[in-house]
N, C-alpha and C. Protein backbone atom coordinates (compact mmCIF):
# COMPACT_ATOMS: atom_id res chain seq x y z
N MET A 1 -76.44 -30.83 33.28
CA MET A 1 -77.40 -32.18 33.94
C MET A 1 -77.04 -32.02 35.33
N SER A 2 -78.08 -32.25 35.90
CA SER A 2 -77.81 -32.47 37.30
C SER A 2 -76.98 -33.84 37.83
N SER A 3 -76.62 -33.97 39.04
CA SER A 3 -75.97 -35.22 39.10
C SER A 3 -76.72 -36.00 39.70
N SER A 4 -77.76 -35.85 40.07
CA SER A 4 -78.58 -36.82 40.60
C SER A 4 -79.20 -37.72 39.45
N LYS A 5 -79.09 -39.19 39.78
CA LYS A 5 -79.66 -40.10 38.70
C LYS A 5 -81.05 -40.18 38.44
N ASN A 6 -82.10 -39.58 39.35
CA ASN A 6 -83.12 -39.38 38.93
C ASN A 6 -83.19 -38.14 38.46
N ASP A 7 -83.09 -37.51 38.45
CA ASP A 7 -83.32 -35.72 37.66
C ASP A 7 -82.65 -36.17 36.45
N MET A 8 -81.48 -36.89 36.11
CA MET A 8 -81.12 -37.12 34.81
C MET A 8 -82.29 -38.04 33.82
N LYS A 9 -82.58 -39.19 34.52
CA LYS A 9 -83.60 -39.55 33.93
C LYS A 9 -84.77 -38.91 33.32
N GLN A 10 -85.27 -37.96 34.60
CA GLN A 10 -86.29 -37.10 34.34
C GLN A 10 -86.07 -36.35 33.09
N GLN A 11 -85.13 -35.49 32.87
CA GLN A 11 -84.43 -34.64 31.92
C GLN A 11 -84.30 -35.66 30.62
N LEU A 12 -83.68 -36.61 30.82
CA LEU A 12 -83.44 -37.39 29.46
C LEU A 12 -85.02 -37.67 28.69
N GLY A 13 -85.93 -38.30 29.70
CA GLY A 13 -87.14 -38.35 29.53
C GLY A 13 -87.97 -37.19 28.70
N ARG A 14 -87.56 -35.95 28.94
CA ARG A 14 -88.30 -34.96 28.32
C ARG A 14 -87.85 -35.11 27.36
N MET A 15 -86.42 -35.05 26.91
CA MET A 15 -85.63 -35.13 25.67
C MET A 15 -86.60 -35.99 24.64
N VAL A 16 -86.35 -37.14 25.37
CA VAL A 16 -86.99 -38.21 24.25
C VAL A 16 -88.76 -37.84 24.22
N ALA A 17 -89.35 -37.61 24.81
CA ALA A 17 -90.77 -36.98 24.58
C ALA A 17 -90.85 -35.75 23.18
N GLU A 18 -89.57 -34.97 23.47
CA GLU A 18 -90.00 -34.12 22.52
C GLU A 18 -89.30 -34.45 20.91
N LEU A 19 -88.23 -35.46 21.30
CA LEU A 19 -87.95 -36.40 20.03
C LEU A 19 -89.02 -36.99 19.49
N VAL A 20 -89.62 -37.68 20.28
CA VAL A 20 -90.92 -38.47 19.54
C VAL A 20 -92.06 -37.82 19.33
N GLU A 21 -92.09 -36.59 19.65
CA GLU A 21 -93.14 -35.54 19.02
C GLU A 21 -92.59 -34.78 17.49
N VAL A 22 -91.36 -34.50 17.58
CA VAL A 22 -91.11 -34.14 16.61
C VAL A 22 -90.87 -34.92 15.40
N SER A 23 -90.33 -36.42 15.46
CA SER A 23 -90.11 -37.32 14.56
C SER A 23 -91.00 -38.37 14.57
N SER A 24 -92.07 -38.38 15.20
CA SER A 24 -93.27 -39.22 14.97
C SER A 24 -92.53 -40.58 15.22
N ALA A 25 -91.44 -40.86 16.32
CA ALA A 25 -91.23 -42.26 16.45
C ALA A 25 -92.02 -42.99 17.02
N ASP A 26 -92.34 -44.23 16.82
CA ASP A 26 -92.77 -45.22 17.44
C ASP A 26 -91.87 -45.49 19.12
N ALA A 27 -90.92 -45.67 18.68
CA ALA A 27 -90.10 -46.13 19.84
C ALA A 27 -88.49 -45.25 19.80
N VAL A 28 -88.21 -44.71 20.95
CA VAL A 28 -87.03 -43.95 21.21
C VAL A 28 -86.09 -44.69 22.83
N ILE A 29 -84.90 -45.25 22.50
CA ILE A 29 -84.03 -45.58 23.75
C ILE A 29 -82.88 -44.46 23.90
N ILE A 30 -82.77 -43.87 24.54
CA ILE A 30 -81.40 -43.21 24.89
C ILE A 30 -80.50 -43.68 25.94
N GLY A 31 -79.31 -44.15 26.03
CA GLY A 31 -78.60 -44.96 26.66
C GLY A 31 -77.43 -44.49 26.87
N ILE A 32 -76.67 -44.05 27.97
CA ILE A 32 -75.83 -43.23 28.69
C ILE A 32 -74.73 -44.01 29.34
N THR A 33 -73.33 -43.65 29.53
CA THR A 33 -72.70 -44.10 30.70
C THR A 33 -71.76 -42.95 31.34
N ARG A 34 -71.71 -42.98 32.29
CA ARG A 34 -70.60 -42.01 33.05
C ARG A 34 -70.07 -42.37 34.18
N GLN A 35 -68.56 -42.34 34.29
CA GLN A 35 -67.98 -42.44 35.38
C GLN A 35 -68.54 -41.57 36.65
N ARG A 36 -68.48 -42.03 37.69
CA ARG A 36 -68.82 -41.52 39.17
C ARG A 36 -68.11 -42.24 40.05
N ASN A 37 -67.73 -41.87 40.87
CA ASN A 37 -66.71 -42.52 42.02
C ASN A 37 -66.10 -43.78 41.39
N ARG A 38 -65.22 -43.81 40.69
CA ARG A 38 -64.35 -45.08 39.91
C ARG A 38 -65.43 -46.05 39.82
N THR A 39 -66.56 -45.99 39.34
CA THR A 39 -67.74 -47.24 38.78
C THR A 39 -68.07 -45.99 37.59
N THR A 40 -68.51 -47.62 36.80
CA THR A 40 -69.29 -46.74 35.65
C THR A 40 -70.79 -47.10 35.61
N GLU A 41 -71.67 -46.24 35.48
CA GLU A 41 -73.20 -45.92 35.89
C GLU A 41 -73.78 -45.90 34.50
N THR A 42 -74.84 -46.86 34.03
CA THR A 42 -75.38 -46.53 32.90
C THR A 42 -76.80 -46.50 33.20
N ILE A 43 -77.28 -45.76 32.14
CA ILE A 43 -78.83 -45.47 32.11
C ILE A 43 -79.14 -45.50 31.02
N ALA A 44 -80.50 -46.22 31.02
CA ALA A 44 -81.27 -46.35 29.50
C ALA A 44 -82.65 -46.09 29.74
N VAL A 45 -83.03 -45.48 28.80
CA VAL A 45 -84.84 -44.41 29.03
C VAL A 45 -85.24 -44.75 27.80
N PRO A 46 -86.12 -45.86 27.88
CA PRO A 46 -86.87 -46.37 26.60
C PRO A 46 -88.29 -45.55 26.80
N PHE A 47 -88.79 -45.12 25.58
CA PHE A 47 -89.91 -44.37 25.26
C PHE A 47 -90.75 -44.78 24.18
N GLY A 48 -92.05 -44.88 24.50
CA GLY A 48 -93.21 -45.72 23.67
C GLY A 48 -93.42 -46.70 23.74
N ASN A 49 -93.82 -47.48 22.40
CA ASN A 49 -94.44 -48.68 22.71
C ASN A 49 -93.37 -49.62 22.94
N MET A 50 -93.20 -50.63 24.15
CA MET A 50 -92.17 -51.36 24.59
C MET A 50 -92.03 -52.76 23.96
N HIS A 51 -92.93 -53.21 23.02
CA HIS A 51 -92.34 -53.84 21.59
C HIS A 51 -91.37 -53.03 20.67
N ALA A 52 -91.80 -52.04 20.41
CA ALA A 52 -90.83 -51.33 19.29
C ALA A 52 -89.83 -51.00 19.87
N CYS A 53 -89.61 -50.52 21.44
CA CYS A 53 -88.38 -50.29 21.92
C CYS A 53 -87.53 -51.74 21.86
N ARG A 54 -88.03 -52.70 21.94
CA ARG A 54 -87.28 -53.81 22.09
C ARG A 54 -86.60 -54.25 21.02
N GLY A 55 -87.51 -54.20 19.79
CA GLY A 55 -86.93 -53.96 18.42
C GLY A 55 -86.12 -53.42 18.07
N VAL A 56 -86.09 -52.11 18.57
CA VAL A 56 -84.72 -51.16 18.42
C VAL A 56 -83.39 -51.73 19.39
N ALA A 57 -83.83 -52.04 20.35
CA ALA A 57 -82.55 -52.68 21.11
C ALA A 57 -82.02 -53.64 20.45
N GLU A 58 -82.92 -54.44 19.67
CA GLU A 58 -82.05 -55.85 19.26
C GLU A 58 -81.64 -55.56 17.84
N PHE A 59 -82.14 -54.53 17.36
CA PHE A 59 -81.25 -54.01 15.87
C PHE A 59 -80.05 -53.49 16.84
N ILE A 60 -80.15 -52.14 17.37
CA ILE A 60 -78.76 -51.85 17.97
C ILE A 60 -77.76 -52.79 18.66
N TYR A 61 -78.22 -53.93 18.94
CA TYR A 61 -77.38 -54.98 19.48
C TYR A 61 -76.49 -55.59 18.49
N ALA A 62 -77.52 -56.02 17.40
CA ALA A 62 -76.86 -56.58 16.41
C ALA A 62 -75.90 -56.03 15.46
N GLN A 63 -76.46 -54.62 15.49
CA GLN A 63 -75.24 -53.83 14.71
C GLN A 63 -73.83 -53.78 15.18
N LEU A 64 -74.20 -53.39 16.51
CA LEU A 64 -72.83 -53.20 17.16
C LEU A 64 -72.02 -54.34 18.30
N CYS A 65 -72.70 -55.48 18.07
CA CYS A 65 -72.33 -56.37 19.32
C CYS A 65 -72.05 -58.05 18.55
N GLU A 66 -72.77 -58.01 17.43
CA GLU A 66 -73.11 -59.44 17.06
C GLU A 66 -71.50 -59.71 16.37
N GLY A 67 -71.15 -60.71 16.35
CA GLY A 67 -69.69 -60.87 15.85
C GLY A 67 -68.28 -59.96 16.33
N PHE A 68 -68.88 -59.45 17.12
CA PHE A 68 -67.60 -58.71 18.52
C PHE A 68 -67.03 -59.64 18.88
N GLU A 69 -65.78 -59.70 18.91
CA GLU A 69 -64.90 -60.38 19.61
C GLU A 69 -63.79 -59.89 20.44
N GLU A 70 -63.68 -60.22 21.85
CA GLU A 70 -63.29 -59.08 22.63
C GLU A 70 -61.87 -59.07 22.13
N GLU A 71 -61.13 -58.00 22.55
CA GLU A 71 -59.87 -57.62 22.25
C GLU A 71 -58.77 -58.45 22.98
N ASP A 72 -57.93 -58.62 22.52
CA ASP A 72 -56.72 -59.56 22.94
C ASP A 72 -55.95 -58.49 24.03
N GLU A 73 -54.90 -59.08 24.27
CA GLU A 73 -53.81 -58.40 25.58
C GLU A 73 -53.08 -57.34 24.92
N ASP A 74 -52.88 -57.15 23.76
CA ASP A 74 -52.23 -56.22 23.11
C ASP A 74 -53.16 -54.97 22.65
N GLY A 75 -54.75 -55.36 22.90
CA GLY A 75 -55.75 -54.31 22.49
C GLY A 75 -56.16 -54.57 21.05
N ASP A 76 -55.71 -55.46 20.12
CA ASP A 76 -56.16 -55.69 18.93
C ASP A 76 -57.13 -56.26 19.05
N ALA A 77 -58.26 -56.04 18.35
CA ALA A 77 -59.60 -57.04 17.88
C ALA A 77 -58.77 -57.83 16.97
N ASP A 78 -59.32 -59.12 17.15
CA ASP A 78 -58.91 -60.53 15.85
C ASP A 78 -59.86 -60.88 14.92
N ASP A 79 -60.80 -60.06 15.16
CA ASP A 79 -61.93 -60.82 14.43
C ASP A 79 -62.24 -60.46 12.99
N ASN A 80 -61.00 -59.60 12.32
CA ASN A 80 -60.77 -59.35 10.85
C ASN A 80 -59.14 -59.65 10.49
N ALA A 81 -58.89 -60.97 11.60
CA ALA A 81 -57.22 -61.23 10.76
C ALA A 81 -57.13 -62.23 10.17
N PRO A 82 -56.12 -61.98 9.20
CA PRO A 82 -56.54 -62.69 7.92
C PRO A 82 -56.02 -64.29 7.90
N ASP A 83 -55.52 -64.82 9.00
CA ASP A 83 -55.39 -66.19 9.00
C ASP A 83 -56.61 -66.69 9.97
N LYS A 84 -57.33 -66.11 10.22
CA LYS A 84 -58.44 -66.63 11.11
C LYS A 84 -59.59 -67.52 10.30
N GLU A 85 -60.16 -68.48 10.49
CA GLU A 85 -60.82 -69.10 9.45
C GLU A 85 -62.37 -68.94 10.10
N GLU A 86 -63.42 -69.07 8.84
CA GLU A 86 -64.54 -68.81 9.55
C GLU A 86 -65.38 -69.54 9.97
N LYS A 87 -66.15 -69.75 10.81
CA LYS A 87 -67.25 -70.56 11.25
C LYS A 87 -68.14 -70.95 10.62
N GLU A 88 -68.83 -72.10 10.02
CA GLU A 88 -70.17 -72.07 9.61
C GLU A 88 -71.09 -72.42 10.07
């Protein structure tokens, strides 16, 4: 892929268009991150019905992020600790 952000977005857009055509998807979101000059760059390319894209994004967020707790200082996630009380 080209190093230019706009070129990358165009290439991702073409990939998504092909995926939509092949799979008959209503919505596709491709998100990537990459390291450039010691910073993280994030690119998201939504394609299709924006209401459907929002639904996909909310679903992905729920699957990946809900209930996730920050890692503590030693790098272990504490969300499954046996002595932790569940909140209702």
